[in-house]
Every structure is written in C-alpha cells, then in structure tokens.
N, C-alpha and C. Protein backbone atom coordinates (compact mmCIF):
# COMPACT_ATOMS: atom_id res chain seq x y z
N MET A 1 62.35 -20.63 -28.29
CA MET A 1 61.60 -19.42 -28.56
C MET A 1 61.08 -18.80 -27.25
N ARG A 2 60.74 -19.65 -26.30
CA ARG A 2 60.20 -19.18 -25.03
C ARG A 2 61.23 -18.32 -24.28
N PHE A 3 62.48 -18.60 -24.43
CA PHE A 3 63.53 -17.84 -23.75
C PHE A 3 64.06 -16.70 -24.63
N LEU A 4 63.92 -16.85 -25.92
CA LEU A 4 64.42 -15.84 -26.84
C LEU A 4 63.57 -14.57 -26.79
N MET A 5 62.27 -14.70 -26.72
CA MET A 5 61.37 -13.54 -26.75
C MET A 5 61.61 -12.61 -25.55
N PRO A 6 61.64 -13.08 -24.31
CA PRO A 6 61.92 -12.17 -23.20
C PRO A 6 63.28 -11.47 -23.33
N PHE A 7 64.27 -12.19 -23.86
CA PHE A 7 65.59 -11.60 -24.07
C PHE A 7 65.52 -10.47 -25.10
N LEU A 8 64.81 -10.69 -26.20
CA LEU A 8 64.68 -9.68 -27.24
C LEU A 8 63.89 -8.47 -26.73
N LEU A 9 62.87 -8.71 -25.95
CA LEU A 9 62.07 -7.62 -25.41
C LEU A 9 62.88 -6.72 -24.49
N LYS A 10 63.85 -7.29 -23.79
CA LYS A 10 64.72 -6.50 -22.93
C LYS A 10 65.64 -5.60 -23.76
N LEU A 11 66.00 -6.01 -24.94
CA LEU A 11 66.89 -5.24 -25.80
C LEU A 11 66.17 -4.08 -26.50
N LEU A 12 64.89 -4.25 -26.75
CA LEU A 12 64.14 -3.23 -27.48
C LEU A 12 63.68 -2.13 -26.53
N PRO A 13 63.86 -0.87 -26.92
CA PRO A 13 63.38 0.22 -26.06
C PRO A 13 61.85 0.24 -26.06
N SER A 14 61.29 0.37 -24.89
CA SER A 14 59.83 0.43 -24.80
C SER A 14 59.43 1.20 -23.55
N LYS A 15 58.19 1.62 -23.55
CA LYS A 15 57.62 2.27 -22.37
C LYS A 15 56.13 1.95 -22.35
N PRO A 16 55.52 1.99 -21.17
CA PRO A 16 54.09 1.68 -21.09
C PRO A 16 53.26 2.71 -21.85
N VAL A 17 52.20 2.23 -22.45
CA VAL A 17 51.27 3.08 -23.17
C VAL A 17 49.89 2.88 -22.57
N PHE A 18 49.16 3.98 -22.39
CA PHE A 18 47.83 3.91 -21.80
C PHE A 18 46.83 4.52 -22.76
N ALA A 19 45.67 3.90 -22.87
CA ALA A 19 44.61 4.41 -23.73
C ALA A 19 43.26 4.00 -23.18
N HIS A 20 42.26 4.77 -23.51
CA HIS A 20 40.91 4.41 -23.09
C HIS A 20 40.47 3.17 -23.85
N CYS A 21 40.55 3.27 -25.18
CA CYS A 21 40.02 2.17 -25.98
C CYS A 21 40.36 2.43 -27.44
N ASP A 22 40.77 1.42 -28.13
CA ASP A 22 40.97 1.55 -29.57
C ASP A 22 39.77 1.06 -30.35
N ILE A 23 38.83 0.45 -29.68
CA ILE A 23 37.62 -0.04 -30.30
C ILE A 23 36.47 0.82 -29.79
N PRO A 24 35.65 1.38 -30.66
CA PRO A 24 34.55 2.23 -30.18
C PRO A 24 33.53 1.41 -29.39
N CYS A 25 33.75 1.34 -28.10
CA CYS A 25 32.92 0.50 -27.23
C CYS A 25 31.60 1.15 -26.89
N GLY A 26 31.53 2.46 -26.99
CA GLY A 26 30.30 3.15 -26.66
C GLY A 26 30.08 3.32 -25.17
N ILE A 27 31.06 3.00 -24.37
CA ILE A 27 30.93 3.14 -22.92
C ILE A 27 31.65 4.41 -22.51
N TYR A 28 30.90 5.48 -22.41
CA TYR A 28 31.43 6.77 -22.01
C TYR A 28 30.53 7.32 -20.92
N ASP A 29 31.13 8.06 -20.02
CA ASP A 29 30.36 8.62 -18.92
C ASP A 29 31.15 9.78 -18.32
N PRO A 30 30.53 10.94 -18.15
CA PRO A 30 31.23 12.08 -17.57
C PRO A 30 31.33 12.02 -16.04
N HIS A 31 30.78 10.99 -15.43
CA HIS A 31 30.74 10.93 -13.97
C HIS A 31 32.13 10.99 -13.34
N THR A 32 33.09 10.31 -13.92
CA THR A 32 34.44 10.32 -13.36
C THR A 32 35.02 11.73 -13.37
N ALA A 33 34.80 12.46 -14.46
CA ALA A 33 35.29 13.85 -14.53
C ALA A 33 34.56 14.71 -13.50
N GLN A 34 33.27 14.49 -13.34
CA GLN A 34 32.53 15.27 -12.35
C GLN A 34 33.04 15.00 -10.94
N LEU A 35 33.22 13.74 -10.62
CA LEU A 35 33.72 13.38 -9.29
C LEU A 35 35.13 13.95 -9.07
N ALA A 36 35.96 13.91 -10.08
CA ALA A 36 37.32 14.45 -9.97
C ALA A 36 37.28 15.96 -9.74
N SER A 37 36.42 16.67 -10.47
CA SER A 37 36.34 18.12 -10.29
C SER A 37 35.81 18.47 -8.90
N GLN A 38 34.86 17.70 -8.41
CA GLN A 38 34.34 17.94 -7.06
C GLN A 38 35.41 17.65 -6.00
N THR A 39 36.25 16.67 -6.26
CA THR A 39 37.35 16.37 -5.35
C THR A 39 38.35 17.52 -5.31
N VAL A 40 38.64 18.11 -6.47
CA VAL A 40 39.54 19.26 -6.53
C VAL A 40 38.98 20.38 -5.65
N LEU A 41 37.70 20.68 -5.81
CA LEU A 41 37.07 21.73 -5.01
C LEU A 41 37.13 21.41 -3.52
N LYS A 42 36.83 20.18 -3.17
CA LYS A 42 36.84 19.79 -1.75
C LYS A 42 38.24 19.89 -1.16
N MET A 43 39.25 19.51 -1.91
CA MET A 43 40.63 19.61 -1.40
C MET A 43 41.03 21.07 -1.19
N VAL A 44 40.63 21.95 -2.11
CA VAL A 44 40.93 23.37 -1.95
C VAL A 44 40.28 23.90 -0.68
N GLN A 45 39.02 23.54 -0.48
CA GLN A 45 38.31 23.99 0.72
C GLN A 45 38.98 23.47 1.98
N LYS A 46 39.36 22.21 1.97
CA LYS A 46 40.01 21.61 3.14
C LYS A 46 41.39 22.24 3.39
N MET A 47 42.12 22.51 2.32
CA MET A 47 43.44 23.11 2.47
C MET A 47 43.33 24.51 3.09
N LYS A 48 42.34 25.25 2.68
CA LYS A 48 42.16 26.60 3.23
C LYS A 48 41.79 26.56 4.71
N ALA A 49 41.17 25.48 5.15
CA ALA A 49 40.74 25.37 6.55
C ALA A 49 41.80 24.75 7.46
N LEU A 50 42.89 24.28 6.87
CA LEU A 50 43.93 23.63 7.68
C LEU A 50 44.67 24.61 8.57
N PRO A 51 45.07 24.15 9.75
CA PRO A 51 45.98 24.96 10.56
C PRO A 51 47.32 25.11 9.81
N LYS A 52 47.94 26.23 9.98
CA LYS A 52 49.18 26.53 9.24
C LYS A 52 50.30 25.53 9.48
N ASP A 53 50.29 24.86 10.64
CA ASP A 53 51.39 23.95 10.97
C ASP A 53 51.12 22.50 10.55
N ASP A 54 50.01 22.23 9.89
CA ASP A 54 49.68 20.85 9.48
C ASP A 54 50.20 20.59 8.07
N ILE A 55 51.50 20.60 7.93
CA ILE A 55 52.16 20.46 6.63
C ILE A 55 51.93 19.08 6.01
N HIS A 56 51.84 18.05 6.82
CA HIS A 56 51.66 16.69 6.29
C HIS A 56 50.30 16.54 5.62
N SER A 57 49.27 17.04 6.25
CA SER A 57 47.93 17.00 5.63
C SER A 57 47.90 17.85 4.37
N LEU A 58 48.56 19.00 4.44
CA LEU A 58 48.61 19.88 3.28
C LEU A 58 49.25 19.18 2.09
N ILE A 59 50.35 18.50 2.32
CA ILE A 59 51.05 17.80 1.24
C ILE A 59 50.15 16.72 0.63
N ARG A 60 49.48 15.96 1.47
CA ARG A 60 48.57 14.92 0.95
C ARG A 60 47.43 15.54 0.15
N MET A 61 46.87 16.63 0.65
CA MET A 61 45.75 17.27 -0.05
C MET A 61 46.18 17.88 -1.38
N VAL A 62 47.37 18.45 -1.42
CA VAL A 62 47.89 18.98 -2.68
C VAL A 62 48.04 17.85 -3.70
N SER A 63 48.56 16.73 -3.25
CA SER A 63 48.75 15.58 -4.14
C SER A 63 47.40 15.08 -4.68
N VAL A 64 46.43 14.96 -3.80
CA VAL A 64 45.09 14.50 -4.23
C VAL A 64 44.48 15.51 -5.20
N LYS A 65 44.59 16.80 -4.89
CA LYS A 65 44.05 17.85 -5.76
C LYS A 65 44.66 17.78 -7.16
N GLU A 66 45.97 17.67 -7.22
CA GLU A 66 46.64 17.64 -8.52
C GLU A 66 46.33 16.36 -9.29
N ASP A 67 46.30 15.23 -8.60
CA ASP A 67 45.96 13.96 -9.26
C ASP A 67 44.56 14.00 -9.84
N HIS A 68 43.62 14.56 -9.09
CA HIS A 68 42.24 14.60 -9.57
C HIS A 68 42.04 15.65 -10.67
N ALA A 69 42.80 16.72 -10.64
CA ALA A 69 42.75 17.69 -11.73
C ALA A 69 43.24 17.03 -13.03
N GLU A 70 44.29 16.24 -12.93
CA GLU A 70 44.81 15.52 -14.10
C GLU A 70 43.81 14.46 -14.58
N LEU A 71 43.22 13.72 -13.65
CA LEU A 71 42.20 12.73 -14.00
C LEU A 71 41.02 13.40 -14.69
N CYS A 72 40.58 14.52 -14.18
CA CYS A 72 39.48 15.26 -14.77
C CYS A 72 39.81 15.64 -16.21
N LYS A 73 41.00 16.17 -16.42
CA LYS A 73 41.41 16.56 -17.77
C LYS A 73 41.42 15.35 -18.71
N ARG A 74 41.96 14.25 -18.23
CA ARG A 74 42.03 13.04 -19.07
C ARG A 74 40.62 12.58 -19.45
N GLU A 75 39.71 12.57 -18.50
CA GLU A 75 38.34 12.11 -18.77
C GLU A 75 37.59 13.05 -19.72
N ILE A 76 37.81 14.35 -19.56
CA ILE A 76 37.19 15.31 -20.48
C ILE A 76 37.73 15.10 -21.89
N LEU A 77 39.03 14.89 -22.01
CA LEU A 77 39.63 14.70 -23.33
C LEU A 77 39.17 13.39 -23.97
N ILE A 78 38.91 12.37 -23.18
CA ILE A 78 38.37 11.12 -23.73
C ILE A 78 37.00 11.38 -24.33
N LEU A 79 36.16 12.10 -23.60
CA LEU A 79 34.84 12.44 -24.14
C LEU A 79 34.98 13.27 -25.41
N TRP A 80 35.89 14.24 -25.37
CA TRP A 80 36.06 15.14 -26.51
C TRP A 80 36.56 14.40 -27.74
N THR A 81 37.56 13.56 -27.57
CA THR A 81 38.18 12.94 -28.74
C THR A 81 37.50 11.66 -29.18
N ASP A 82 36.86 10.95 -28.26
CA ASP A 82 36.28 9.65 -28.61
C ASP A 82 34.75 9.65 -28.70
N TYR A 83 34.09 10.48 -27.92
CA TYR A 83 32.63 10.43 -27.89
C TYR A 83 31.98 11.51 -28.75
N PHE A 84 32.32 12.77 -28.51
CA PHE A 84 31.64 13.85 -29.21
C PHE A 84 31.97 13.83 -30.70
N LYS A 85 30.95 14.04 -31.50
CA LYS A 85 31.07 14.00 -32.96
C LYS A 85 30.68 15.36 -33.54
N SER A 86 30.86 15.52 -34.84
CA SER A 86 30.55 16.79 -35.49
C SER A 86 29.08 17.16 -35.34
N GLU A 87 28.19 16.18 -35.33
CA GLU A 87 26.77 16.50 -35.15
C GLU A 87 26.48 17.08 -33.76
N HIS A 88 27.30 16.70 -32.77
CA HIS A 88 27.15 17.29 -31.44
C HIS A 88 27.59 18.75 -31.46
N LEU A 89 28.64 19.04 -32.23
CA LEU A 89 29.10 20.43 -32.35
C LEU A 89 28.07 21.30 -33.06
N GLU A 90 27.36 20.71 -34.01
CA GLU A 90 26.33 21.47 -34.70
C GLU A 90 25.21 21.86 -33.73
N LYS A 91 24.85 20.94 -32.86
CA LYS A 91 23.78 21.20 -31.90
C LYS A 91 24.26 22.07 -30.74
N PHE A 92 25.53 21.93 -30.36
CA PHE A 92 26.11 22.69 -29.24
C PHE A 92 27.38 23.40 -29.74
N PRO A 93 27.22 24.52 -30.43
CA PRO A 93 28.38 25.17 -31.05
C PRO A 93 29.43 25.68 -30.06
N ASP A 94 29.07 25.82 -28.79
CA ASP A 94 30.05 26.28 -27.81
C ASP A 94 30.79 25.13 -27.12
N LEU A 95 30.56 23.92 -27.58
CA LEU A 95 31.17 22.74 -26.95
C LEU A 95 32.69 22.78 -27.01
N HIS A 96 33.23 23.16 -28.15
CA HIS A 96 34.69 23.22 -28.28
C HIS A 96 35.27 24.19 -27.25
N GLU A 97 34.71 25.38 -27.14
CA GLU A 97 35.17 26.38 -26.19
C GLU A 97 35.02 25.88 -24.76
N LEU A 98 33.93 25.20 -24.47
CA LEU A 98 33.66 24.68 -23.13
C LEU A 98 34.69 23.62 -22.73
N VAL A 99 35.00 22.72 -23.64
CA VAL A 99 35.99 21.67 -23.36
C VAL A 99 37.37 22.31 -23.17
N TRP A 100 37.71 23.25 -24.04
CA TRP A 100 39.00 23.93 -23.93
C TRP A 100 39.11 24.63 -22.58
N LYS A 101 38.05 25.35 -22.20
CA LYS A 101 38.04 26.07 -20.92
C LYS A 101 38.17 25.10 -19.75
N ALA A 102 37.45 23.99 -19.80
CA ALA A 102 37.50 23.00 -18.71
C ALA A 102 38.91 22.42 -18.58
N CYS A 103 39.55 22.12 -19.69
CA CYS A 103 40.91 21.58 -19.63
C CYS A 103 41.89 22.62 -19.08
N LYS A 104 41.71 23.87 -19.48
CA LYS A 104 42.55 24.95 -18.93
C LYS A 104 42.32 25.10 -17.44
N LEU A 105 41.07 24.96 -16.99
CA LEU A 105 40.76 25.04 -15.56
C LEU A 105 41.40 23.89 -14.79
N CYS A 106 41.49 22.73 -15.42
CA CYS A 106 42.20 21.61 -14.78
C CYS A 106 43.64 22.00 -14.52
N SER A 107 44.27 22.60 -15.52
CA SER A 107 45.67 23.04 -15.36
C SER A 107 45.78 24.13 -14.32
N ASP A 108 44.87 25.09 -14.35
CA ASP A 108 44.88 26.17 -13.35
C ASP A 108 44.79 25.60 -11.93
N ASN A 109 43.96 24.59 -11.77
CA ASN A 109 43.76 24.01 -10.44
C ASN A 109 44.94 23.14 -10.01
N LYS A 110 45.74 22.68 -10.93
CA LYS A 110 46.96 21.98 -10.55
C LYS A 110 48.00 22.97 -10.04
N ARG A 111 48.00 24.18 -10.60
CA ARG A 111 49.01 25.18 -10.27
C ARG A 111 48.71 25.97 -9.01
N ALA A 112 47.45 26.10 -8.65
CA ALA A 112 47.11 27.03 -7.57
C ALA A 112 46.05 26.46 -6.64
N VAL A 113 45.89 27.12 -5.52
CA VAL A 113 44.82 26.80 -4.57
C VAL A 113 43.85 27.97 -4.63
N ASP A 114 42.86 27.84 -5.49
CA ASP A 114 41.94 28.94 -5.78
C ASP A 114 40.52 28.38 -5.81
N GLU A 115 39.75 28.70 -4.79
CA GLU A 115 38.40 28.15 -4.69
C GLU A 115 37.50 28.60 -5.84
N VAL A 116 37.69 29.80 -6.33
CA VAL A 116 36.89 30.29 -7.46
C VAL A 116 37.17 29.45 -8.70
N LYS A 117 38.45 29.20 -8.98
CA LYS A 117 38.82 28.37 -10.14
C LYS A 117 38.32 26.94 -9.98
N ALA A 118 38.37 26.42 -8.76
CA ALA A 118 37.88 25.06 -8.51
C ALA A 118 36.37 24.99 -8.75
N GLN A 119 35.65 26.00 -8.31
CA GLN A 119 34.19 26.03 -8.53
C GLN A 119 33.89 26.17 -10.02
N GLU A 120 34.67 26.99 -10.72
CA GLU A 120 34.49 27.13 -12.16
C GLU A 120 34.71 25.79 -12.87
N LEU A 121 35.67 25.02 -12.39
CA LEU A 121 35.93 23.70 -12.98
C LEU A 121 34.72 22.79 -12.79
N VAL A 122 34.17 22.75 -11.58
CA VAL A 122 32.99 21.93 -11.32
C VAL A 122 31.85 22.33 -12.27
N GLU A 123 31.63 23.62 -12.41
CA GLU A 123 30.54 24.11 -13.26
C GLU A 123 30.78 23.77 -14.73
N ALA A 124 32.01 23.91 -15.20
CA ALA A 124 32.32 23.59 -16.60
C ALA A 124 32.13 22.10 -16.87
N VAL A 125 32.59 21.27 -15.96
CA VAL A 125 32.44 19.82 -16.14
C VAL A 125 30.97 19.43 -16.08
N ASP A 126 30.21 20.06 -15.20
CA ASP A 126 28.77 19.78 -15.14
C ASP A 126 28.07 20.16 -16.45
N LYS A 127 28.50 21.26 -17.09
CA LYS A 127 27.92 21.65 -18.38
C LYS A 127 28.26 20.61 -19.45
N ILE A 128 29.49 20.13 -19.44
CA ILE A 128 29.88 19.08 -20.40
C ILE A 128 29.04 17.82 -20.14
N ALA A 129 28.84 17.49 -18.88
CA ALA A 129 28.03 16.32 -18.53
C ALA A 129 26.58 16.50 -19.01
N ASP A 130 26.05 17.71 -18.87
CA ASP A 130 24.69 17.98 -19.36
C ASP A 130 24.59 17.76 -20.86
N ILE A 131 25.59 18.27 -21.59
CA ILE A 131 25.61 18.08 -23.04
C ILE A 131 25.74 16.60 -23.37
N PHE A 132 26.63 15.92 -22.67
CA PHE A 132 26.79 14.48 -22.88
C PHE A 132 25.44 13.77 -22.67
N ASN A 133 24.79 14.06 -21.56
CA ASN A 133 23.53 13.40 -21.25
C ASN A 133 22.46 13.68 -22.30
N GLU A 134 22.44 14.89 -22.81
CA GLU A 134 21.47 15.20 -23.84
C GLU A 134 21.79 14.49 -25.16
N THR A 135 23.06 14.44 -25.52
CA THR A 135 23.42 13.80 -26.79
C THR A 135 23.36 12.29 -26.71
N SER A 136 23.52 11.72 -25.53
CA SER A 136 23.49 10.26 -25.44
C SER A 136 22.07 9.71 -25.57
N ARG A 137 21.08 10.59 -25.47
CA ARG A 137 19.69 10.17 -25.65
C ARG A 137 19.26 10.23 -27.09
N LEU A 138 20.10 10.82 -27.95
CA LEU A 138 19.73 10.96 -29.37
C LEU A 138 19.73 9.65 -30.10
C-alpha cells in the first residue's frame, strides 16, 4: 500500500489548492491588506523617481507592485467572504461598494503606474480596516 498510493496519486490529475481557512478560526486582520496597499503606493512613487535607464530596478518594482496589489485583493476578499456578516452590512451599508471599489483599485494598480489610484487604494483599504476594527469590538 505504501508504494501503491504514490503511484495512484501520480495518475490522478491534481493541482495545488490554497485557502485561508475552512474552519472559522476568528483570526482576521486587515493589516496585511493595509501593508500591501502601502507597498503598492511606495513602489509607484519609487518607479516615478527612477532614472529612465534603470530598467532592472523598474522591473523589480513592477513585480513587487503587482504582487502586492494581488495580495491586497486576496486579503480584502478574505475579510469580505469570511469575516464580514450581514449584521455588518446593516451597520455599514456602503461596505459592499467599498470592498468592490478596493478590489477594482487593486486591479487598476496592477495595470498601471498611477499615484492617484495607488493613494485611492490605500484610503479604501484603510476605510475597510476602520470598519473591521469597529465591528471586531462588537
């Protein structure tokens, strides 16, 4: 059986699956999304200040910016789908729109180098964090 199982697993199609948690652990925090949004803004600022011929730094900064925009989106969606409940929506009726806007800003920041959009992302994530902090005290 010890040799049969690895052989069978090689025959079956599979791919890695990632998830925050299937058990409601209650461990949620917007800090990662906030840090990621601030990183996006910082990379945009640094990219704008780069000399035109520093292509290697530019490539690294673009990669960091896009990775952190994706991380930010993932963390916001974890809060949205796993933490926020209908009672939170009753107290904060604009929460759905705010989360949608923040996720769209994550995508915008992956596509472009726009300091205004990066700042808007930081502000949107900070608003979500404020709502999170208020609801976590309930």
